[in-house]
Amino acid sequence: MVDAINRSLSFLKQQPQLNVRSEDINFLYDAADFRCHIIQHIQQAEQRIYLTALYLENDEAGQEILAELHQAQRLRPELKIVILVDFHRAQRGLIGHDAGDTNADFYRQYCEDNQCHFDILGIPVKSRELFGVLHLKGFVFDDTVLYSGASLNNIYLNKKERYRYDRYCLIKHSGLAQSMVEYIDQLRLGDFGVVPLNQQQVPKIAEIKPEHKRLKRFLKRQQYQFSPQVRQHKDIGITPLLGFGGRGNLLNKTIRQLLQSCQHSAVLFTPYFNFPAAISRDISAMLKRGVKITLVVGDKTANDFYISPEQDFRTIGGLPYLYETNLRKFARRHHKSLLEGMLDIHIWKHDNNSFHLKGIYSDDKYMLLTGNNLNPRAWRLDLENGLLLHDETHQLAEMQQRELALILENCQKISSYQDIEDIKDYPERVQKLLSRMRVIRADNMVKRII
């Protein structure tokens, strides 16, 4: 066991790193502050703005972001603006809503009306959205990276009365910013079928099939490029990571090494409780060797797919219940660890807001910032990234403790699996849906792709 832990620690320490002073890393603690910093950095950027997200929505927040970008470029014509979103997600409406104008229609109309001179690019990670999306995260403003799992719309940015809670970190480092920019430039300038979504005609995926094949080959082999630095004693090391596909996925491997190297305590955040089998095995092994695990998940009502009882029920509304049944099974399987205090499960709920946190703390030495949901979809299908922070001298301890304390303020701690609702407690229409899925074994298929 000791040899295995040492091998995992050696893997983490040997990862190439960038040196960052602790004073150049700052956490934000709520969605409204996140929005303010985005706007502030857009207004102050002098050379470049690179925004990468799953989507930029046609709502008040999305319109505000585009307006700020347009104004920034109008005042500083030399300012380079690049926006990347998922190719498929941009060309459909919201799940469960009536068909109408898409985000791509919004981009096209806005840029035409305002004579914008920047493109909003769609990345076709897979031929269909069901089988994988652009899930890269991170905004670059000159030499500052603002990293979060959030996309850009009203709820993620707390533009109106509701918010979707995430993690938010500001890192000022020219090497990190440049590495992320160079990767995006390779995506947009390569012959990969990456097209502006704000142009009049957007090709169908079938029309760019050869380019799409080249894109997938590129995604599987490429990592962030940078010149590694020798870390000084009080500096924070940062390793930027990419992950795509089930094989050769460096981000997945790093996540497992974080868990397998952990000796004392770990904290895991996930909004959709549906661990890949490999992570489930690692957690079981951690508990057996005496590692204290804290798991923070969202309540089913804090899930973005949740449909309240007074609304018309749709099949997609069964997902939060499916995740909760996963959590109850997990808690029951590890009931002894719950009773012994070696496993803490915290369920987040705050009014009608939603939960979108993801990432890992490991032994107070490592912190993973990522958009990876720690689920099978992130593990095998989506294009993901993350930032591994090496903090052996605990320079970020105060910020980490504050972040966790604020997260736990709206959590209920589970003392037994029986504190989690069983399927018999669900609304009748949900019970029927989950029972039908089990009979035809559709629940297992859904768990692999959602």
Protein backbone atom coordinates (compact mmCIF):
# COMPACT_ATOMS: atom_id res chain seq x y z
CA MET A 1 0.00 0.00 0.00
CA VAL A 2 2.79 2.43 0.94
CA ASP A 3 4.55 1.75 -2.37
CA ALA A 4 1.34 2.45 -4.31
CA ILE A 5 0.81 5.74 -2.45
CA ASN A 6 4.41 6.77 -3.12
CA ARG A 7 4.08 5.98 -6.82
CA SER A 8 0.99 8.18 -7.03
CA LEU A 9 2.71 11.00 -5.13
CA SER A 10 5.71 10.70 -7.45
CA PHE A 11 3.42 10.98 -10.47
CA LEU A 12 1.87 14.20 -9.13
CA LYS A 13 5.21 15.76 -8.19
CA GLN A 14 6.71 14.95 -11.57
CA GLN A 15 3.98 16.71 -13.53
CA PRO A 16 5.33 19.83 -15.28
CA GLN A 17 4.39 22.95 -13.37
CA LEU A 18 4.23 26.71 -13.63
CA ASN A 19 5.28 28.81 -10.63
CA VAL A 20 2.64 31.17 -9.28
CA ARG A 21 2.95 33.42 -6.25
CA SER A 22 0.19 32.85 -3.72
CA GLU A 23 -0.76 36.55 -3.89
CA ASP A 24 -1.54 36.09 -7.60
CA ILE A 25 -4.24 33.51 -6.83
CA ASN A 26 -7.61 34.68 -5.52
CA PHE A 27 -10.88 32.88 -5.03
CA LEU A 28 -14.27 34.45 -5.59
CA TYR A 29 -17.10 33.17 -3.48
CA ASP A 30 -20.39 33.87 -5.24
CA ALA A 31 -21.89 34.06 -8.70
CA ALA A 32 -22.68 37.80 -8.58
CA ASP A 33 -19.03 38.60 -7.84
CA PHE A 34 -18.04 36.26 -10.68
CA ARG A 35 -20.19 38.27 -13.11
CA CYS A 36 -18.75 41.57 -11.85
CA HIS A 37 -15.20 40.33 -12.38
CA ILE A 38 -15.98 39.15 -15.91
CA ILE A 39 -17.33 42.56 -16.83
CA GLN A 40 -14.52 44.37 -15.04
CA HIS A 41 -11.86 42.34 -16.84
CA ILE A 42 -13.55 42.83 -20.21
CA GLN A 43 -13.52 46.57 -19.63
CA GLN A 44 -9.85 46.57 -18.56
CA ALA A 45 -8.40 44.14 -21.11
CA GLU A 46 -5.89 45.73 -23.46
CA GLN A 47 -4.58 42.93 -25.68
CA ARG A 48 -6.79 39.84 -25.68
CA ILE A 49 -9.97 38.25 -24.36
CA TYR A 50 -10.52 34.52 -24.83
CA LEU A 51 -13.80 33.12 -23.48
CA THR A 52 -14.39 29.36 -23.51
CA ALA A 53 -17.63 27.84 -22.21
CA LEU A 54 -20.20 25.20 -23.03
CA TYR A 55 -22.56 27.98 -24.04
CA LEU A 56 -23.23 31.71 -24.06
CA GLU A 57 -26.99 32.04 -23.70
CA ASN A 58 -29.43 34.37 -25.42
CA ASP A 59 -30.67 36.01 -22.23
CA GLU A 60 -29.96 39.20 -20.32
CA ALA A 61 -26.57 38.01 -19.05
CA GLY A 62 -25.48 36.73 -22.47
CA GLN A 63 -26.59 39.97 -24.09
CA GLU A 64 -24.69 41.95 -21.46
CA ILE A 65 -21.50 39.98 -22.11
CA LEU A 66 -21.71 40.54 -25.88
CA ALA A 67 -22.47 44.23 -25.38
CA GLU A 68 -19.43 44.63 -23.11
CA LEU A 69 -17.21 42.81 -25.60
CA HIS A 70 -18.46 44.96 -28.47
CA GLN A 71 -17.91 48.14 -26.49
CA ALA A 72 -14.40 47.03 -25.45
CA GLN A 73 -13.42 46.36 -29.06
CA ARG A 74 -14.98 49.62 -30.23
CA LEU A 75 -12.86 51.55 -27.72
CA ARG A 76 -9.74 49.45 -28.37
CA PRO A 77 -9.85 48.20 -31.99
CA GLU A 78 -6.60 46.28 -31.53
CA LEU A 79 -8.18 44.13 -28.77
CA LYS A 80 -8.34 40.49 -29.87
CA ILE A 81 -11.56 38.72 -28.89
CA VAL A 82 -12.12 34.98 -29.32
CA ILE A 83 -15.19 33.12 -28.03
CA LEU A 84 -15.48 29.32 -28.11
CA VAL A 85 -18.68 27.39 -27.38
CA ASP A 86 -19.97 23.94 -28.19
CA PHE A 87 -21.02 23.60 -31.85
CA HIS A 88 -24.15 21.54 -31.15
CA ARG A 89 -25.33 23.18 -27.94
CA ALA A 90 -25.37 26.58 -29.67
CA GLN A 91 -27.74 25.33 -32.37
CA ARG A 92 -30.56 24.01 -30.22
CA GLY A 93 -32.90 25.47 -27.63
CA LEU A 94 -33.02 24.63 -23.95
CA ILE A 95 -33.96 21.04 -23.06
CA GLY A 96 -37.68 20.81 -22.41
CA HIS A 97 -38.48 24.20 -23.95
CA ASP A 98 -40.30 24.93 -27.17
CA ALA A 99 -38.18 25.21 -30.29
CA GLY A 100 -37.34 28.76 -31.25
CA ASP A 101 -34.41 30.97 -32.02
CA THR A 102 -31.15 29.35 -31.01
CA ASN A 103 -28.06 30.87 -29.46
CA ALA A 104 -26.42 30.74 -32.89
CA ASP A 105 -29.30 32.83 -34.28
CA PHE A 106 -28.72 35.30 -31.45
CA TYR A 107 -24.98 35.54 -32.20
CA ARG A 108 -25.60 36.07 -35.88
CA GLN A 109 -28.26 38.75 -35.41
CA TYR A 110 -26.37 40.59 -32.68
CA CYS A 111 -23.12 40.73 -34.64
CA GLU A 112 -24.94 41.80 -37.80
CA ASP A 113 -26.90 44.55 -36.05
CA ASN A 114 -23.87 45.89 -34.19
CA GLN A 115 -21.20 45.24 -36.84
CA CYS A 116 -19.07 43.24 -34.42
CA HIS A 117 -15.62 42.26 -35.64
CA PHE A 118 -15.11 39.08 -33.66
CA ASP A 119 -16.30 35.55 -34.21
CA ILE A 120 -18.11 33.17 -31.90
CA LEU A 121 -16.73 29.78 -32.82
CA GLY A 122 -18.43 26.41 -32.49
CA ILE A 123 -16.28 23.37 -31.63
CA PRO A 124 -17.81 20.08 -32.87
CA VAL A 125 -16.19 17.73 -30.35
CA LYS A 126 -18.41 14.84 -31.48
CA SER A 127 -20.78 14.33 -34.37
CA ARG A 128 -23.74 14.54 -31.97
CA GLU A 129 -24.13 16.38 -28.68
CA LEU A 130 -25.32 13.21 -26.95
CA PHE A 131 -21.88 11.65 -27.43
CA GLY A 132 -19.72 14.51 -26.20
CA VAL A 133 -19.41 18.29 -25.99
CA LEU A 134 -16.88 21.06 -25.54
CA HIS A 135 -16.56 21.19 -21.76
CA LEU A 136 -13.39 23.27 -21.59
CA LYS A 137 -13.43 26.03 -19.00
CA GLY A 138 -11.47 29.21 -18.44
CA PHE A 139 -11.54 32.87 -19.49
CA VAL A 140 -8.32 34.69 -20.39
CA PHE A 141 -8.03 38.47 -20.04
CA ASP A 142 -4.52 39.56 -21.09
CA ASP A 143 -2.36 37.60 -18.58
CA THR A 144 -5.14 36.72 -16.11
CA VAL A 145 -7.11 33.47 -16.10
CA LEU A 146 -10.56 33.37 -14.53
CA TYR A 147 -11.36 29.69 -14.08
CA SER A 148 -14.77 28.28 -13.22
CA GLY A 149 -17.05 25.43 -14.21
CA ALA A 150 -19.74 27.97 -15.09
CA SER A 151 -21.17 28.81 -18.50
CA LEU A 152 -22.54 32.24 -19.41
CA ASN A 153 -26.19 32.92 -18.74
CA ASN A 154 -28.52 34.51 -16.18
CA ILE A 155 -28.41 31.78 -13.57
CA TYR A 156 -24.66 31.09 -13.69
CA LEU A 157 -23.99 34.83 -13.40
CA ASN A 158 -26.77 35.57 -10.88
CA LYS A 159 -28.12 38.22 -13.24
CA LYS A 160 -31.61 37.91 -11.83
CA GLU A 161 -33.08 36.40 -8.66
CA ARG A 162 -31.55 32.90 -8.92
CA TYR A 163 -27.98 31.63 -9.13
CA ARG A 164 -26.16 28.40 -9.96
CA TYR A 165 -23.34 27.95 -7.47
CA ASP A 166 -19.89 27.09 -8.81
CA ARG A 167 -16.22 27.59 -7.93
CA TYR A 168 -14.37 30.67 -9.18
CA CYS A 169 -10.62 31.31 -9.17
CA LEU A 170 -8.56 34.23 -10.51
CA ILE A 171 -4.95 33.45 -11.42
CA LYS A 172 -2.56 36.07 -12.72
CA HIS A 173 0.20 34.32 -14.67
CA SER A 174 1.36 35.09 -18.19
CA GLY A 175 2.61 31.55 -18.86
CA LEU A 176 -0.68 29.93 -17.88
CA ALA A 177 -2.70 32.42 -19.90
CA GLN A 178 -0.45 31.96 -22.93
CA SER A 179 -0.64 28.16 -22.73
CA MET A 180 -4.44 28.24 -22.74
CA VAL A 181 -4.51 30.80 -25.56
CA GLU A 182 -2.13 28.78 -27.73
CA TYR A 183 -4.28 25.67 -27.37
CA ILE A 184 -7.40 27.59 -28.40
CA ASP A 185 -5.54 29.10 -31.35
CA GLN A 186 -4.57 25.60 -32.47
CA LEU A 187 -8.24 24.61 -32.34
CA ARG A 188 -9.54 27.61 -34.24
CA LEU A 189 -6.76 27.96 -36.80
CA GLY A 190 -6.30 24.26 -37.59
CA ASP A 191 -8.26 22.57 -40.35
CA PHE A 192 -10.70 21.06 -37.84
CA GLY A 193 -14.13 22.20 -39.00
CA VAL A 194 -14.29 24.96 -36.39
CA VAL A 195 -16.63 27.57 -37.85
CA PRO A 196 -18.03 30.97 -36.82
CA LEU A 197 -21.57 30.50 -35.55
CA ASN A 198 -22.36 34.15 -36.22
CA GLN A 199 -22.05 33.75 -39.99
CA GLN A 200 -25.07 33.43 -42.28
CA GLN A 201 -24.60 29.76 -43.15
CA VAL A 202 -23.26 27.26 -40.62
CA PRO A 203 -22.34 23.91 -42.21
CA LYS A 204 -23.91 20.68 -41.01
CA ILE A 205 -21.61 18.23 -39.29
CA ALA A 206 -21.88 15.88 -42.29
CA GLU A 207 -20.42 18.63 -44.52
CA ILE A 208 -17.22 18.85 -42.45
CA LYS A 209 -16.68 15.15 -41.83
CA PRO A 210 -12.99 14.98 -42.88
CA GLU A 211 -12.14 18.05 -40.78
CA HIS A 212 -14.06 16.60 -37.85
CA LYS A 213 -12.01 13.41 -37.96
CA ARG A 214 -8.83 15.48 -37.83
CA LEU A 215 -10.23 17.37 -34.85
CA LYS A 216 -10.86 14.18 -32.87
CA ARG A 217 -7.33 12.94 -33.57
CA PHE A 218 -5.94 16.27 -32.40
CA LEU A 219 -8.00 16.28 -29.20
CA LYS A 220 -6.86 12.80 -28.23
CA ARG A 221 -3.15 13.56 -28.40
CA GLN A 222 -2.81 17.22 -27.48
CA GLN A 223 -1.93 18.76 -24.10
CA TYR A 224 -1.25 22.31 -22.97
CA GLN A 225 2.25 23.38 -24.00
CA PHE A 226 4.44 25.46 -21.69
CA SER A 227 7.98 25.69 -20.34
CA PRO A 228 8.03 23.96 -16.92
CA GLN A 229 9.48 25.94 -14.05
CA VAL A 230 11.36 24.88 -10.94
CA ARG A 231 9.13 25.82 -8.05
CA GLN A 232 10.45 28.00 -5.26
CA HIS A 233 9.63 27.04 -1.68
CA LYS A 234 6.64 29.33 -1.14
CA ASP A 235 5.30 29.33 -4.69
CA ILE A 236 2.23 27.46 -5.85
CA GLY A 237 2.74 25.01 -8.69
CA ILE A 238 0.04 24.84 -11.35
CA THR A 239 -0.29 22.05 -13.90
CA PRO A 240 -2.87 22.74 -16.64
CA LEU A 241 -4.47 19.51 -17.86
CA LEU A 242 -6.59 18.33 -20.77
CA GLY A 243 -8.65 15.17 -21.02
CA PHE A 244 -10.58 13.58 -23.88
CA GLY A 245 -11.76 10.01 -24.26
CA GLY A 246 -11.45 6.89 -22.18
CA ARG A 247 -7.84 6.09 -23.12
CA GLY A 248 -4.71 8.16 -22.59
CA ASN A 249 -6.70 10.78 -20.71
CA LEU A 250 -4.23 12.75 -18.58
CA LEU A 251 -6.92 14.57 -16.60
CA ASN A 252 -8.61 11.29 -15.66
CA LYS A 253 -5.27 9.77 -14.69
CA THR A 254 -4.41 12.77 -12.52
CA ILE A 255 -7.77 12.57 -10.74
CA ARG A 256 -7.12 8.93 -9.90
CA GLN A 257 -3.58 9.66 -8.74
CA LEU A 258 -4.92 12.39 -6.46
CA LEU A 259 -7.23 9.86 -4.82
CA GLN A 260 -4.71 7.02 -4.73
CA SER A 261 -1.99 9.23 -3.20
CA CYS A 262 -4.25 10.66 -0.50
CA GLN A 263 -3.20 9.65 3.02
CA HIS A 264 -5.27 11.75 5.41
CA SER A 265 -8.30 13.56 3.98
CA ALA A 266 -10.03 14.39 0.73
CA VAL A 267 -12.97 16.58 -0.27
CA LEU A 268 -14.86 15.88 -3.50
CA PHE A 269 -17.46 18.13 -5.12
CA THR A 270 -19.84 16.89 -7.81
CA PRO A 271 -23.24 18.21 -8.96
CA TYR A 272 -24.38 14.93 -10.54
CA PHE A 273 -23.75 11.95 -8.29
CA ASN A 274 -22.77 9.31 -10.80
CA PHE A 275 -19.15 8.31 -10.23
CA PRO A 276 -17.28 6.28 -12.86
CA ALA A 277 -16.50 2.78 -11.62
CA ALA A 278 -12.81 3.65 -11.27
CA ILE A 279 -13.52 6.53 -8.87
CA SER A 280 -15.93 4.37 -6.85
CA ARG A 281 -13.17 1.77 -6.44
CA ASP A 282 -10.64 4.42 -5.42
CA ILE A 283 -13.00 5.82 -2.78
CA SER A 284 -13.60 2.36 -1.32
CA ALA A 285 -9.84 1.80 -1.15
CA MET A 286 -9.32 5.19 0.50
CA LEU A 287 -11.84 4.40 3.22
CA LYS A 288 -10.21 1.03 3.84
CA ARG A 289 -6.82 2.64 4.42
CA GLY A 290 -8.26 5.23 6.83
CA VAL A 291 -8.63 8.34 4.66
CA LYS A 292 -11.33 10.73 5.83
CA ILE A 293 -13.58 11.61 2.88
CA THR A 294 -15.94 14.56 2.65
CA LEU A 295 -18.39 14.44 -0.22
CA VAL A 296 -20.41 17.52 -1.21
CA VAL A 297 -23.28 17.05 -3.67
CA GLY A 298 -26.34 19.03 -4.63
CA ASP A 299 -29.82 18.19 -3.44
CA LYS A 300 -32.06 16.84 -6.19
CA THR A 301 -34.00 20.12 -6.05
CA ALA A 302 -30.73 22.00 -6.67
CA ASN A 303 -30.12 20.08 -9.88
CA ASP A 304 -30.52 22.02 -13.13
CA PHE A 305 -32.79 19.24 -14.49
CA TYR A 306 -35.16 19.30 -11.51
CA ILE A 307 -38.83 19.96 -12.27
CA SER A 308 -40.95 21.10 -9.34
CA PRO A 309 -44.19 19.15 -8.67
CA GLU A 310 -46.41 22.04 -9.75
CA GLN A 311 -44.87 22.02 -13.24
CA ASP A 312 -45.61 19.64 -16.08
CA PHE A 313 -43.33 16.63 -15.70
CA ARG A 314 -40.98 15.63 -18.51
CA THR A 315 -38.71 12.62 -18.79
CA ILE A 316 -35.57 14.72 -18.27
CA GLY A 317 -36.95 15.55 -14.81
CA GLY A 318 -36.20 11.99 -13.70
CA LEU A 319 -32.44 12.59 -13.75
CA PRO A 320 -32.14 14.29 -10.33
CA TYR A 321 -33.99 11.37 -8.78
CA LEU A 322 -31.74 8.90 -10.56
CA TYR A 323 -28.69 10.69 -9.13
CA GLU A 324 -30.23 10.60 -5.67
CA THR A 325 -30.84 6.85 -5.91
CA ASN A 326 -27.13 6.52 -6.78
CA LEU A 327 -26.23 8.53 -3.68
CA ARG A 328 -28.47 6.45 -1.43
CA LYS A 329 -26.91 3.22 -2.70
CA PHE A 330 -23.44 4.68 -2.15
CA ALA A 331 -24.31 5.78 1.39
CA ARG A 332 -25.82 2.39 2.18
CA ARG A 333 -22.76 0.57 0.84
CA HIS A 334 -20.51 2.74 3.03
CA HIS A 335 -22.87 2.96 5.99
CA LYS A 336 -20.22 1.78 8.44
CA SER A 337 -17.86 4.56 7.35
CA LEU A 338 -20.67 7.09 7.79
CA LEU A 339 -21.32 5.88 11.34
CA GLU A 340 -17.60 5.90 12.17
CA GLY A 341 -17.19 9.46 10.88
CA MET A 342 -14.72 8.47 8.16
CA LEU A 343 -17.21 9.47 5.46
CA ASP A 344 -19.15 12.73 5.58
CA ILE A 345 -21.86 13.41 3.02
CA HIS A 346 -23.14 16.98 2.74
CA ILE A 347 -26.16 17.81 0.57
CA TRP A 348 -26.34 21.41 -0.64
CA LYS A 349 -29.63 23.28 -0.90
CA HIS A 350 -30.33 27.01 -0.82
CA ASP A 351 -33.82 28.24 -1.65
CA ASN A 352 -34.52 27.58 -5.35
CA ASN A 353 -30.92 28.00 -6.46
CA SER A 354 -28.85 25.24 -8.04
CA PHE A 355 -25.50 23.57 -7.43
CA HIS A 356 -22.71 23.11 -9.98
CA LEU A 357 -19.51 22.63 -7.95
CA LYS A 358 -16.85 20.18 -9.00
CA GLY A 359 -13.26 19.46 -8.00
CA ILE A 360 -11.07 17.89 -5.32
CA TYR A 361 -9.00 18.86 -2.29
CA SER A 362 -6.41 16.21 -1.38
CA ASP A 363 -4.47 16.21 1.93
CA ASP A 364 -4.50 20.03 1.97
CA LYS A 365 -1.60 19.82 -0.50
CA TYR A 366 -3.39 19.53 -3.82
CA MET A 367 -6.40 21.30 -5.21
CA LEU A 368 -8.04 20.44 -8.52
CA LEU A 369 -10.06 23.13 -10.28
CA THR A 370 -12.03 21.56 -13.10
CA GLY A 371 -15.22 21.48 -15.10
CA ASN A 372 -15.15 17.68 -14.88
CA ASN A 373 -18.33 16.44 -13.18
CA LEU A 374 -16.62 13.22 -12.02
CA ASN A 375 -19.17 11.20 -13.96
CA PRO A 376 -18.94 8.72 -16.87
CA ARG A 377 -19.76 11.38 -19.45
CA ALA A 378 -16.84 13.56 -18.37
CA TRP A 379 -14.67 10.44 -18.06
CA ARG A 380 -15.19 9.15 -21.60
CA LEU A 381 -17.09 11.56 -23.86
CA ASP A 382 -16.58 15.30 -23.27
CA LEU A 383 -13.51 17.44 -23.87
CA GLU A 384 -12.47 18.50 -20.35
CA ASN A 385 -9.72 20.49 -18.70
CA GLY A 386 -8.50 21.32 -15.21
CA LEU A 387 -5.85 23.09 -13.18
CA LEU A 388 -3.95 21.11 -10.56
CA LEU A 389 -2.61 23.37 -7.80
CA HIS A 390 0.40 22.05 -5.86
CA ASP A 391 0.43 23.69 -2.42
CA GLU A 392 2.66 21.63 -0.13
CA THR A 393 3.42 24.67 2.09
CA HIS A 394 -0.31 25.49 2.58
CA GLN A 395 -0.16 28.99 1.14
CA LEU A 396 -3.78 28.71 -0.01
CA ALA A 397 -5.09 27.11 3.18
CA GLU A 398 -7.03 30.17 4.34
CA MET A 399 -8.81 30.61 1.00
CA GLN A 400 -9.53 26.89 0.77
CA GLN A 401 -11.00 26.83 4.27
CA ARG A 402 -13.14 29.88 3.53
CA GLU A 403 -14.39 28.38 0.28
CA LEU A 404 -15.36 25.13 1.99
CA ALA A 405 -16.99 26.90 4.95
CA LEU A 406 -19.17 28.99 2.63
CA ILE A 407 -20.14 25.91 0.63
CA LEU A 408 -21.11 23.97 3.75
CA GLU A 409 -23.23 26.84 5.11
CA ASN A 410 -26.11 25.65 2.95
CA CYS A 411 -25.54 21.92 3.39
CA GLN A 412 -27.27 19.26 5.41
CA LYS A 413 -24.96 16.57 6.75
CA ILE A 414 -26.20 13.02 6.26
CA SER A 415 -25.74 10.66 9.21
CA SER A 416 -27.28 7.59 7.58
CA TYR A 417 -28.37 6.40 4.17
CA GLN A 418 -31.88 6.44 5.61
CA ASP A 419 -31.72 10.26 5.67
CA ILE A 420 -31.87 10.15 1.87
CA GLU A 421 -35.26 9.62 0.25
CA ASP A 422 -35.99 6.19 -1.17
CA ILE A 423 -37.71 5.61 -4.49
CA LYS A 424 -40.99 4.85 -2.66
CA ASP A 425 -40.94 8.46 -1.37
CA TYR A 426 -40.89 9.95 -4.87
CA PRO A 427 -43.89 11.30 -6.79
CA GLU A 428 -45.80 8.52 -8.53
CA ARG A 429 -44.82 9.63 -12.02
CA VAL A 430 -41.13 9.52 -11.03
CA GLN A 431 -41.53 6.07 -9.49
CA LYS A 432 -43.12 4.79 -12.70
CA LEU A 433 -40.36 6.29 -14.85
CA LEU A 434 -37.50 4.86 -12.77
CA SER A 435 -39.20 1.45 -12.50
CA ARG A 436 -39.71 1.32 -16.25
CA MET A 437 -36.07 2.29 -16.83
CA ARG A 438 -34.91 -0.50 -14.54
CA VAL A 439 -37.04 -3.11 -16.28
CA ILE A 440 -35.52 -2.33 -19.68
CA ARG A 441 -32.13 -1.55 -18.09
CA ALA A 442 -32.19 1.95 -19.52
CA ASP A 443 -30.95 3.38 -16.23
CA ASN A 444 -27.51 1.85 -16.77
CA MET A 445 -27.33 3.25 -20.29
CA VAL A 446 -28.37 6.72 -19.10
CA LYS A 447 -25.75 6.66 -16.34
CA ARG A 448 -23.04 6.08 -18.94
CA ILE A 449 -23.90 9.13 -21.05
CA ILE A 450 -25.35 11.68 -18.61
